[in-house]
Amino acid sequence: MGEDIATAAEAIEADVLPRVYEVHCDPNTPESAGPSVPDALKSKPVAQKSPAQWAYERIVLYLKNFEEQLDSSHEVAMGFTGGEVGVLRIEGMGYFDPDIITFYGTDSAGGKTQLIQHVSQLNVMLRALPKPDAKIEARRIGFRLAKDIEKSE
């Protein structure tokens, strides 16, 4: 009882709308406490987005959500697996349709770094690193990227 009746079109649309669901070990964290999906991401059906655009938008949400949990002395970076690759302090991000994601930044030695990755190989680990200069304000790339998505949709 009390169930909403949806048309076939509404059911199909609801099936492809972006949703986030997470469960955390902290009992005070709500089960759906992942990044909220802004209306700008819902305005264009997923089927009309390239794999690169869709991956980019979701990573931006995770970046912003991760940064919201950082204190003012840390910034977001990406950790890599395999060998002595290290981390990349994320300073920019983009995509190249239909299937390439790229991350721009600096490595732990301060060297300019760019990762170019096919969406099928995408594997991102976000890490909190101390700011390189304690005197400057922490840079929040996730917030800037999220504003750009909202502006472009």
C-alpha atoms as a PDB file:
ATOM      1  CA  MET A   1       0.000   0.000   0.000  1.00  0.00           C
ATOM      2  CA  GLY A   2       1.101   3.566  -0.547  1.00  0.00           C
ATOM      3  CA  GLU A   3       3.395   2.548  -3.414  1.00  0.00           C
ATOM      4  CA  ASP A   4       3.853   5.114  -6.168  1.00  0.00           C
ATOM      5  CA  ILE A   5       2.755   3.981  -9.589  1.00  0.00           C
ATOM      6  CA  ALA A   6       5.222   4.844 -12.337  1.00  0.00           C
ATOM      7  CA  THR A   7       4.754   4.848 -16.066  1.00  0.00           C
ATOM      8  CA  ALA A   8       7.055   2.619 -18.103  1.00  0.00           C
ATOM      9  CA  ALA A   9       9.010   5.698 -19.179  1.00  0.00           C
ATOM     10  CA  GLU A  10       9.427   6.847 -15.565  1.00  0.00           C
ATOM     11  CA  ALA A  11      10.575   3.377 -14.516  1.00  0.00           C
ATOM     12  CA  ILE A  12      13.153   3.230 -17.321  1.00  0.00           C
ATOM     13  CA  GLU A  13      14.378   6.748 -16.537  1.00  0.00           C
ATOM     14  CA  ALA A  14      14.673   5.959 -12.829  1.00  0.00           C
ATOM     15  CA  ASP A  15      16.649   2.836 -13.686  1.00  0.00           C
ATOM     16  CA  VAL A  16      19.390   4.849 -15.442  1.00  0.00           C
ATOM     17  CA  LEU A  17      19.564   7.833 -13.093  1.00  0.00           C
ATOM     18  CA  PRO A  18      22.761   8.021 -11.080  1.00  0.00           C
ATOM     19  CA  ARG A  19      22.488   6.644  -7.565  1.00  0.00           C
ATOM     20  CA  VAL A  20      25.042   6.287  -4.783  1.00  0.00           C
ATOM     21  CA  TYR A  21      24.873   3.735  -1.991  1.00  0.00           C
ATOM     22  CA  GLU A  22      27.507   3.032   0.660  1.00  0.00           C
ATOM     23  CA  VAL A  23      27.727   1.316   4.034  1.00  0.00           C
ATOM     24  CA  HIS A  24      30.381   2.264   6.611  1.00  0.00           C
ATOM     25  CA  CYS A  25      31.538   0.547   9.799  1.00  0.00           C
ATOM     26  CA  ASP A  26      30.804   3.673  11.884  1.00  0.00           C
ATOM     27  CA  PRO A  27      27.230   3.186  13.156  1.00  0.00           C
ATOM     28  CA  ASN A  28      26.761   6.975  13.185  1.00  0.00           C
ATOM     29  CA  THR A  29      27.375   7.197   9.444  1.00  0.00           C
ATOM     30  CA  PRO A  30      24.126   6.838   7.484  1.00  0.00           C
ATOM     31  CA  GLU A  31      24.111   3.959   4.990  1.00  0.00           C
ATOM     32  CA  SER A  32      23.742   6.291   2.026  1.00  0.00           C
ATOM     33  CA  ALA A  33      26.486   8.680   3.181  1.00  0.00           C
ATOM     34  CA  GLY A  34      28.308   8.748  -0.113  1.00  0.00           C
ATOM     35  CA  PRO A  35      28.629  11.754  -2.337  1.00  0.00           C
ATOM     36  CA  SER A  36      25.256  13.277  -3.144  1.00  0.00           C
ATOM     37  CA  VAL A  37      24.430  13.364  -6.843  1.00  0.00           C
ATOM     38  CA  PRO A  38      23.811  16.971  -7.920  1.00  0.00           C
ATOM     39  CA  ASP A  39      20.948  17.752 -10.281  1.00  0.00           C
ATOM     40  CA  ALA A  40      23.464  18.812 -12.961  1.00  0.00           C
ATOM     41  CA  LEU A  41      24.597  15.182 -13.267  1.00  0.00           C
ATOM     42  CA  LYS A  42      21.026  13.950 -13.518  1.00  0.00           C
ATOM     43  CA  SER A  43      20.044  16.399 -16.254  1.00  0.00           C
ATOM     44  CA  LYS A  44      21.620  14.368 -19.056  1.00  0.00           C
ATOM     45  CA  PRO A  45      20.774  10.629 -19.205  1.00  0.00           C
ATOM     46  CA  VAL A  46      23.721   8.326 -18.588  1.00  0.00           C
ATOM     47  CA  ALA A  47      23.134   6.666 -21.971  1.00  0.00           C
ATOM     48  CA  GLN A  48      23.951  10.003 -23.649  1.00  0.00           C
ATOM     49  CA  LYS A  49      27.321  10.341 -21.878  1.00  0.00           C
ATOM     50  CA  SER A  50      30.569   8.827 -23.046  1.00  0.00           C
ATOM     51  CA  PRO A  51      32.242   6.363 -20.672  1.00  0.00           C
ATOM     52  CA  ALA A  52      34.942   9.003 -20.109  1.00  0.00           C
ATOM     53  CA  GLN A  53      32.474  11.769 -19.179  1.00  0.00           C
ATOM     54  CA  TRP A  54      30.498   9.471 -16.898  1.00  0.00           C
ATOM     55  CA  ALA A  55      33.650   8.229 -15.116  1.00  0.00           C
ATOM     56  CA  TYR A  56      34.977  11.803 -14.820  1.00  0.00           C
ATOM     57  CA  GLU A  57      31.772  13.089 -13.222  1.00  0.00           C
ATOM     58  CA  ARG A  58      31.654  10.310 -10.647  1.00  0.00           C
ATOM     59  CA  ILE A  59      35.327  10.685  -9.716  1.00  0.00           C
ATOM     60  CA  VAL A  60      34.733  14.422  -9.221  1.00  0.00           C
ATOM     61  CA  LEU A  61      31.953  13.603  -6.745  1.00  0.00           C
ATOM     62  CA  TYR A  62      34.232  11.265  -4.812  1.00  0.00           C
ATOM     63  CA  LEU A  63      37.048  13.841  -4.816  1.00  0.00           C
ATOM     64  CA  LYS A  64      34.748  16.542  -3.443  1.00  0.00           C
ATOM     65  CA  ASN A  65      33.324  14.183  -0.809  1.00  0.00           C
ATOM     66  CA  PHE A  66      36.855  13.133   0.249  1.00  0.00           C
ATOM     67  CA  GLU A  67      38.002  16.749   0.511  1.00  0.00           C
ATOM     68  CA  GLU A  68      34.990  17.616   2.684  1.00  0.00           C
ATOM     69  CA  GLN A  69      36.444  15.226   5.265  1.00  0.00           C
ATOM     70  CA  LEU A  70      39.961  16.723   5.266  1.00  0.00           C
ATOM     71  CA  ASP A  71      41.276  19.238   7.767  1.00  0.00           C
ATOM     72  CA  SER A  72      42.920  22.459   6.589  1.00  0.00           C
ATOM     73  CA  SER A  73      46.432  20.997   6.700  1.00  0.00           C
ATOM     74  CA  HIS A  74      45.813  18.235   4.125  1.00  0.00           C
ATOM     75  CA  GLU A  75      45.145  18.019   0.385  1.00  0.00           C
ATOM     76  CA  VAL A  76      43.927  15.186  -1.816  1.00  0.00           C
ATOM     77  CA  ALA A  77      46.325  12.957  -3.736  1.00  0.00           C
ATOM     78  CA  MET A  78      46.061   9.668  -5.628  1.00  0.00           C
ATOM     79  CA  GLY A  79      47.956   6.573  -4.671  1.00  0.00           C
ATOM     80  CA  PHE A  80      49.087   4.078  -7.300  1.00  0.00           C
ATOM     81  CA  THR A  81      49.540   0.355  -7.128  1.00  0.00           C
ATOM     82  CA  GLY A  82      52.365  -1.688  -8.600  1.00  0.00           C
ATOM     83  CA  GLY A  83      56.032  -0.904  -8.199  1.00  0.00           C
ATOM     84  CA  GLU A  84      57.447   2.319  -6.840  1.00  0.00           C
ATOM     85  CA  VAL A  85      55.026   4.633  -8.602  1.00  0.00           C
ATOM     86  CA  GLY A  86      54.063   6.602  -5.476  1.00  0.00           C
ATOM     87  CA  VAL A  87      51.407   9.313  -5.326  1.00  0.00           C
ATOM     88  CA  LEU A  88      50.172  12.205  -7.438  1.00  0.00           C
ATOM     89  CA  ARG A  89      48.929  15.368  -5.715  1.00  0.00           C
ATOM     90  CA  ILE A  90      45.809  16.081  -7.796  1.00  0.00           C
ATOM     91  CA  GLU A  91      45.878  19.558  -9.331  1.00  0.00           C
ATOM     92  CA  GLY A  92      43.663  18.960 -12.345  1.00  0.00           C
ATOM     93  CA  MET A  93      41.550  16.362 -14.069  1.00  0.00           C
ATOM     94  CA  GLY A  94      39.920  15.888 -17.459  1.00  0.00           C
ATOM     95  CA  TYR A  95      38.628  13.422 -19.997  1.00  0.00           C
ATOM     96  CA  PHE A  96      38.983  12.759 -23.721  1.00  0.00           C
ATOM     97  CA  ASP A  97      35.881  11.197 -25.266  1.00  0.00           C
ATOM     98  CA  PRO A  98      35.021   8.477 -25.579  1.00  0.00           C
ATOM     99  CA  ASP A  99      37.144   6.602 -23.018  1.00  0.00           C
ATOM    100  CA  ILE A 100      40.219   8.387 -21.585  1.00  0.00           C
ATOM    101  CA  ILE A 101      40.536  10.033 -18.147  1.00  0.00           C
ATOM    102  CA  THR A 102      43.565  12.139 -17.228  1.00  0.00           C
ATOM    103  CA  PHE A 103      44.890  13.447 -13.918  1.00  0.00           C
ATOM    104  CA  TYR A 104      47.389  16.322 -13.627  1.00  0.00           C
ATOM    105  CA  GLY A 105      49.536  17.105 -10.615  1.00  0.00           C
ATOM    106  CA  THR A 106      52.889  16.710  -8.929  1.00  0.00           C
ATOM    107  CA  ASP A 107      54.637  13.679  -7.482  1.00  0.00           C
ATOM    108  CA  SER A 108      56.173  13.435  -4.019  1.00  0.00           C
ATOM    109  CA  ALA A 109      59.411  15.008  -5.294  1.00  0.00           C
ATOM    110  CA  GLY A 110      57.507  17.987  -6.769  1.00  0.00           C
ATOM    111  CA  GLY A 111      57.866  16.803 -10.370  1.00  0.00           C
ATOM    112  CA  LYS A 112      55.142  17.620 -12.878  1.00  0.00           C
ATOM    113  CA  THR A 113      53.034  14.477 -13.415  1.00  0.00           C
ATOM    114  CA  GLN A 114      50.169  13.412 -15.676  1.00  0.00           C
ATOM    115  CA  LEU A 115      48.328  10.094 -15.614  1.00  0.00           C
ATOM    116  CA  ILE A 116      46.386   9.101 -18.729  1.00  0.00           C
ATOM    117  CA  GLN A 117      44.148   6.115 -18.222  1.00  0.00           C
ATOM    118  CA  HIS A 118      41.534   4.187 -20.192  1.00  0.00           C
ATOM    119  CA  VAL A 119      38.218   3.942 -18.308  1.00  0.00           C
ATOM    120  CA  SER A 120      38.396   0.144 -18.377  1.00  0.00           C
ATOM    121  CA  GLN A 121      41.629   0.338 -16.350  1.00  0.00           C
ATOM    122  CA  LEU A 122      40.425   3.032 -13.956  1.00  0.00           C
ATOM    123  CA  ASN A 123      41.487   2.379 -10.384  1.00  0.00           C
ATOM    124  CA  VAL A 124      41.830   5.444  -8.137  1.00  0.00           C
ATOM    125  CA  MET A 125      42.843   5.475  -4.491  1.00  0.00           C
ATOM    126  CA  LEU A 126      42.389   8.870  -2.803  1.00  0.00           C
ATOM    127  CA  ARG A 127      44.894   9.789  -0.098  1.00  0.00           C
ATOM    128  CA  ALA A 128      45.236  12.718   2.275  1.00  0.00           C
ATOM    129  CA  LEU A 129      48.690  14.298   2.179  1.00  0.00           C
ATOM    130  CA  PRO A 130      50.009  17.192   4.257  1.00  0.00           C
ATOM    131  CA  LYS A 131      50.091  20.459   2.297  1.00  0.00           C
ATOM    132  CA  PRO A 132      53.511  21.133   0.774  1.00  0.00           C
ATOM    133  CA  ASP A 133      53.534  24.606   2.366  1.00  0.00           C
ATOM    134  CA  ALA A 134      51.818  25.024   5.737  1.00  0.00           C
ATOM    135  CA  LYS A 135      51.491  28.791   5.145  1.00  0.00           C
ATOM    136  CA  ILE A 136      49.207  28.532   2.109  1.00  0.00           C
ATOM    137  CA  GLU A 137      45.539  27.593   2.160  1.00  0.00           C
ATOM    138  CA  ALA A 138      44.704  23.996   1.211  1.00  0.00           C
ATOM    139  CA  ARG A 139      43.668  23.704  -2.441  1.00  0.00           C
ATOM    140  CA  ARG A 140      40.378  21.890  -3.049  1.00  0.00           C
ATOM    141  CA  ILE A 141      40.312  20.577  -6.615  1.00  0.00           C
ATOM    142  CA  GLY A 142      37.155  18.505  -6.026  1.00  0.00           C
ATOM    143  CA  PHE A 143      35.109  21.604  -5.211  1.00  0.00           C
ATOM    144  CA  ARG A 144      36.400  23.432  -8.306  1.00  0.00           C
ATOM    145  CA  LEU A 145      35.700  20.444 -10.564  1.00  0.00           C
ATOM    146  CA  ALA A 146      32.180  20.043  -9.115  1.00  0.00           C
ATOM    147  CA  LYS A 147      31.394  23.730  -9.804  1.00  0.00           C
ATOM    148  CA  ASP A 148      32.606  23.271 -13.381  1.00  0.00           C
ATOM    149  CA  ILE A 149      30.257  20.295 -13.904  1.00  0.00           C
ATOM    150  CA  GLU A 150      27.298  22.241 -12.547  1.00  0.00           C
ATOM    151  CA  LYS A 151      28.152  25.151 -14.859  1.00  0.00           C
ATOM    152  CA  SER A 152      28.501  22.992 -17.986  1.00  0.00           C
ATOM    153  CA  GLU A 153      25.315  20.909 -17.674  1.00  0.00           C
END
